[in-house]
């Protein structure tokens, strides 16, 4: 037994001759398909004249009366601009005044600190004593003062000279300068200078210095400083 098969047909609107003629143009065909597509796609609006504003869309259309600022609002806008400019100038001069005030305060603090330092009494025994040498001798005459410090400086200077002479004698002995290395005869005597003596505190007469037990200067056979 044969069953009759039913086919579902969609009823489509018949295209006119003018539409079929336009569909032959590829650009027109693509534009029409973009306008008729469905499913959350952006639908392009058909505009006859692209330079003519649409009154239905406020984004593109603006009356001539609203293109310029009304006369009664111009003065308010100008006053607002003037107040903003004045406020900007006030802020600039206020910032400059604060900076100069801070600098003046810093200068005054430095000046006060220097004045306090100058007004304080000198600290230390030699502070504030002008035209007075800190050493116990005269730098012009090279004479020592008659004091304990002057005698100590003099003794130290003499000891430095004594050590220099003693070292020179030691080097001469070790270099065979006191005898003939060929014959072994003594050419000249290498004498050791006497050690310096420390002056007494109550008088300018030199005090007795420490001498060897026999009263003779030390021999060259001893140990000398290098």
Protein backbone atom coordinates (compact mmCIF):
# COMPACT_ATOMS: atom_id res chain seq x y z
CA UNK A 1 0.00 0.00 0.00
CA UNK A 2 1.44 3.27 -1.03
CA UNK A 3 1.35 6.17 1.39
CA UNK A 4 1.11 9.72 0.18
CA UNK A 5 4.04 11.79 1.30
CA UNK A 6 3.29 15.32 2.34
CA UNK A 7 5.91 17.97 1.66
CA UNK A 8 6.05 21.15 3.76
CA UNK A 9 6.28 24.23 1.62
CA UNK A 10 7.12 27.68 2.88
CA UNK A 11 5.05 30.47 1.55
CA UNK A 12 7.46 33.13 0.26
CA UNK A 13 6.58 36.49 -1.09
CA UNK A 14 7.10 36.73 -4.77
CA UNK A 15 9.73 39.14 -5.89
CA UNK A 16 8.85 41.79 -8.37
CA UNK A 17 10.67 42.33 -11.59
CA UNK A 18 12.36 45.42 -10.18
CA UNK A 19 13.63 43.47 -7.18
CA UNK A 20 14.88 40.62 -9.32
CA UNK A 21 16.66 43.13 -11.49
CA UNK A 22 18.33 44.71 -8.45
CA UNK A 23 19.42 41.33 -7.11
CA UNK A 24 21.60 40.90 -10.12
CA UNK A 25 23.84 43.59 -8.61
CA UNK A 26 26.10 41.92 -6.07
CA UNK A 27 26.43 44.98 -3.83
CA UNK A 28 22.69 45.46 -3.60
CA UNK A 29 22.22 41.75 -2.93
CA UNK A 30 24.70 41.75 -0.03
CA UNK A 31 23.16 44.87 1.51
CA UNK A 32 19.69 43.37 1.34
CA UNK A 33 20.87 40.14 2.97
CA UNK A 34 22.56 42.09 5.77
CA UNK A 35 19.33 43.99 6.40
CA UNK A 36 17.21 40.84 6.46
CA UNK A 37 19.42 38.57 8.55
CA UNK A 38 18.20 37.46 11.99
CA UNK A 39 19.72 36.31 15.27
CA UNK A 40 21.17 39.14 17.43
CA UNK A 41 23.05 40.70 14.55
CA UNK A 42 23.39 44.40 14.04
CA UNK A 43 20.81 45.54 11.53
CA UNK A 44 22.01 48.28 9.26
CA UNK A 45 19.50 50.99 8.67
CA UNK A 46 18.80 52.00 5.16
CA UNK A 47 19.67 55.64 4.60
CA UNK A 48 18.72 57.31 1.39
CA UNK A 49 20.97 60.36 1.84
CA UNK A 50 23.94 59.99 4.17
CA UNK A 51 24.53 63.74 4.50
CA UNK A 52 20.96 64.57 5.48
CA UNK A 53 20.38 64.57 9.28
CA UNK A 54 17.62 62.39 10.69
CA UNK A 55 15.14 64.21 12.90
CA UNK A 56 14.13 60.96 14.57
CA UNK A 57 17.66 60.39 15.89
CA UNK A 58 18.83 63.12 18.34
CA UNK A 59 22.45 62.01 18.00
CA UNK A 60 22.61 63.26 14.45
CA UNK A 61 20.04 66.02 14.42
CA UNK A 62 20.38 69.31 16.29
CA UNK A 63 18.24 72.38 15.66
CA UNK A 64 19.96 75.56 14.62
CA UNK A 65 18.76 77.30 17.79
CA UNK A 66 20.77 74.87 19.94
CA UNK A 67 23.99 74.94 17.97
CA UNK A 68 25.29 78.02 19.81
CA UNK A 69 25.28 79.05 23.46
CA UNK A 70 22.35 81.27 24.35
CA UNK A 71 23.12 84.91 25.01
CA UNK A 72 21.99 84.79 28.64
CA UNK A 73 24.45 81.94 29.39
CA UNK A 74 27.53 83.50 27.77
CA UNK A 75 28.05 85.92 30.67
CA UNK A 76 27.81 83.08 33.20
CA UNK A 77 30.39 81.02 31.32
CA UNK A 78 32.75 83.98 31.02
CA UNK A 79 32.38 84.73 34.73
CA UNK A 80 33.15 81.11 35.58
CA UNK A 81 36.29 81.17 33.43
CA UNK A 82 37.40 84.44 35.04
CA UNK A 83 36.90 83.05 38.56
CA UNK A 84 38.89 79.93 37.69
CA UNK A 85 41.74 82.06 36.33
CA UNK A 86 41.73 84.24 39.45
CA UNK A 87 41.77 81.19 41.70
CA UNK A 88 44.68 79.73 39.76
CA UNK A 89 46.66 82.97 40.21
CA UNK A 90 45.83 83.06 43.93
CA UNK A 91 47.04 79.49 44.37
CA UNK A 92 50.26 80.29 42.51
CA UNK A 93 51.09 83.36 44.61
CA UNK A 94 50.09 81.61 47.84
CA UNK A 95 52.43 78.72 47.06
CA UNK A 96 55.22 81.16 46.26
CA UNK A 97 54.59 83.08 49.49
CA UNK A 98 54.71 79.89 51.55
CA UNK A 99 58.01 78.88 49.91
CA UNK A 100 59.62 82.25 50.62
CA UNK A 101 58.28 82.22 54.17
CA UNK A 102 59.83 78.80 54.77
CA UNK A 103 63.19 79.96 53.35
CA UNK A 104 63.14 83.08 55.53
CA UNK A 105 62.41 80.93 58.58
CA UNK A 106 65.35 78.66 57.74
CA UNK A 107 67.70 81.65 57.36
CA UNK A 108 66.59 83.05 60.71
CA UNK A 109 67.17 79.71 62.42
CA UNK A 110 70.69 79.49 60.98
CA UNK A 111 71.44 83.07 62.03
CA UNK A 112 70.16 82.46 65.56
CA UNK A 113 72.25 79.30 65.85
CA UNK A 114 75.38 81.18 64.78
CA UNK A 115 74.63 83.98 67.26
CA UNK A 116 74.15 81.49 70.09
CA UNK A 117 77.41 79.79 69.18
CA UNK A 118 79.25 83.11 69.20
CA UNK A 119 77.69 84.16 72.52
CA UNK A 120 78.58 80.93 74.34
CA UNK A 121 81.78 81.08 76.47
CA UNK A 122 84.75 79.29 74.95
CA UNK A 123 85.14 75.72 76.05
CA UNK A 124 88.67 74.53 76.70
CA UNK A 125 91.83 76.10 78.14
CA UNK A 126 93.18 77.30 74.80
CA UNK A 127 89.91 78.41 73.20
CA UNK A 128 89.69 82.10 72.47
CA UNK A 129 93.40 82.79 73.13
CA UNK A 130 94.58 84.52 70.01
CA UNK A 131 98.22 85.14 69.09
CA UNK A 132 99.34 82.44 71.47
CA UNK A 133 101.05 79.30 70.30
CA UNK A 134 99.68 75.94 71.36
CA UNK A 135 103.19 74.49 71.73
CA UNK A 136 105.63 75.19 74.56
CA UNK A 137 108.22 76.90 72.35
CA UNK A 138 108.55 80.01 70.23
CA UNK A 139 108.26 79.29 66.52
CA UNK A 140 110.37 82.36 65.64
CA UNK A 141 113.30 82.06 68.07
CA UNK A 142 112.97 78.26 68.47
CA UNK A 143 113.45 78.64 72.22
CA UNK A 144 111.63 76.40 74.66
CA UNK A 145 109.46 77.76 77.46
CA UNK A 146 110.59 77.55 81.08
CA UNK A 147 107.90 75.05 82.03
CA UNK A 148 107.47 71.32 82.45
CA UNK A 149 106.00 71.01 78.98
CA UNK A 150 108.85 73.02 77.46
CA UNK A 151 111.47 70.85 79.19
CA UNK A 152 109.66 67.70 78.04
CA UNK A 153 109.60 68.87 74.43
CA UNK A 154 113.28 69.77 74.59
CA UNK A 155 114.16 66.37 76.03
CA UNK A 156 112.15 64.57 73.32
CA UNK A 157 113.91 66.54 70.59
CA UNK A 158 117.34 65.73 72.06
CA UNK A 159 116.40 62.06 72.36
CA UNK A 160 115.40 61.99 68.68
CA UNK A 161 118.78 63.44 67.72
CA UNK A 162 120.57 60.98 70.03
CA UNK A 163 118.81 57.99 68.48
CA UNK A 164 119.76 59.23 65.02
CA UNK A 165 123.45 59.53 65.96
CA UNK A 166 123.38 56.13 67.67
CA UNK A 167 121.88 54.49 64.60
CA UNK A 168 124.48 56.14 62.35
CA UNK A 169 127.29 54.77 64.56
CA UNK A 170 125.75 51.29 64.55
CA UNK A 171 125.44 51.24 60.76
CA UNK A 172 129.05 52.44 60.43
CA UNK A 173 130.28 49.62 62.67
CA UNK A 174 128.35 46.97 60.77
CA UNK A 175 129.66 48.35 57.49
CA UNK A 176 133.31 47.95 58.66
CA UNK A 177 133.94 51.68 58.68
CA UNK A 178 135.95 51.65 61.93
CA UNK A 179 138.86 49.42 60.84
CA UNK A 180 140.73 48.22 57.79
CA UNK A 181 139.20 44.92 56.62
CA UNK A 182 142.54 43.87 54.98
CA UNK A 183 144.95 44.45 57.88
CA UNK A 184 142.36 44.50 60.67
CA UNK A 185 143.84 47.70 62.13
CA UNK A 186 141.61 50.27 63.78
CA UNK A 187 141.31 53.24 61.47
CA UNK A 188 139.45 55.61 63.77
CA UNK A 189 137.41 55.28 66.90
CA UNK A 190 133.62 55.11 66.55
CA UNK A 191 132.40 57.07 69.54
CA UNK A 192 128.84 56.87 70.81
CA UNK A 193 127.39 60.30 71.69
CA UNK A 194 126.34 60.77 75.32
CA UNK A 195 122.63 60.47 76.05
CA UNK A 196 120.68 63.67 76.70
CA UNK A 197 119.79 64.78 80.22
CA UNK A 198 116.47 65.99 81.53
CA UNK A 199 116.58 69.40 83.18
CA UNK A 200 115.36 69.78 86.73
CA UNK A 201 111.93 71.27 87.34
CA UNK A 202 113.05 73.89 89.92
CA UNK A 203 116.12 75.22 88.11
CA UNK A 204 117.62 75.49 84.66
CA UNK A 205 120.72 73.51 85.65
CA UNK A 206 120.74 70.03 84.03
CA UNK A 207 120.07 67.28 86.52
CA UNK A 208 122.22 64.16 86.84
CA UNK A 209 121.19 61.64 84.25
CA UNK A 210 121.38 57.94 84.55
CA UNK A 211 124.94 56.81 83.77
CA UNK A 212 126.45 53.35 83.52
CA UNK A 213 127.96 51.90 86.72
CA UNK A 214 131.53 52.60 85.61
CA UNK A 215 130.74 56.10 84.39
CA UNK A 216 131.81 55.26 80.82
CA UNK A 217 129.62 55.42 77.73
CA UNK A 218 128.22 52.11 76.48
CA UNK A 219 130.48 50.10 74.23
CA UNK A 220 129.74 49.25 70.65
CA UNK A 221 129.62 45.57 71.45
CA UNK A 222 126.15 45.88 72.85
CA UNK A 223 122.85 45.63 71.02
CA UNK A 224 121.89 48.76 69.10
CA UNK A 225 118.51 49.62 67.71
CA UNK A 226 118.10 48.99 64.00
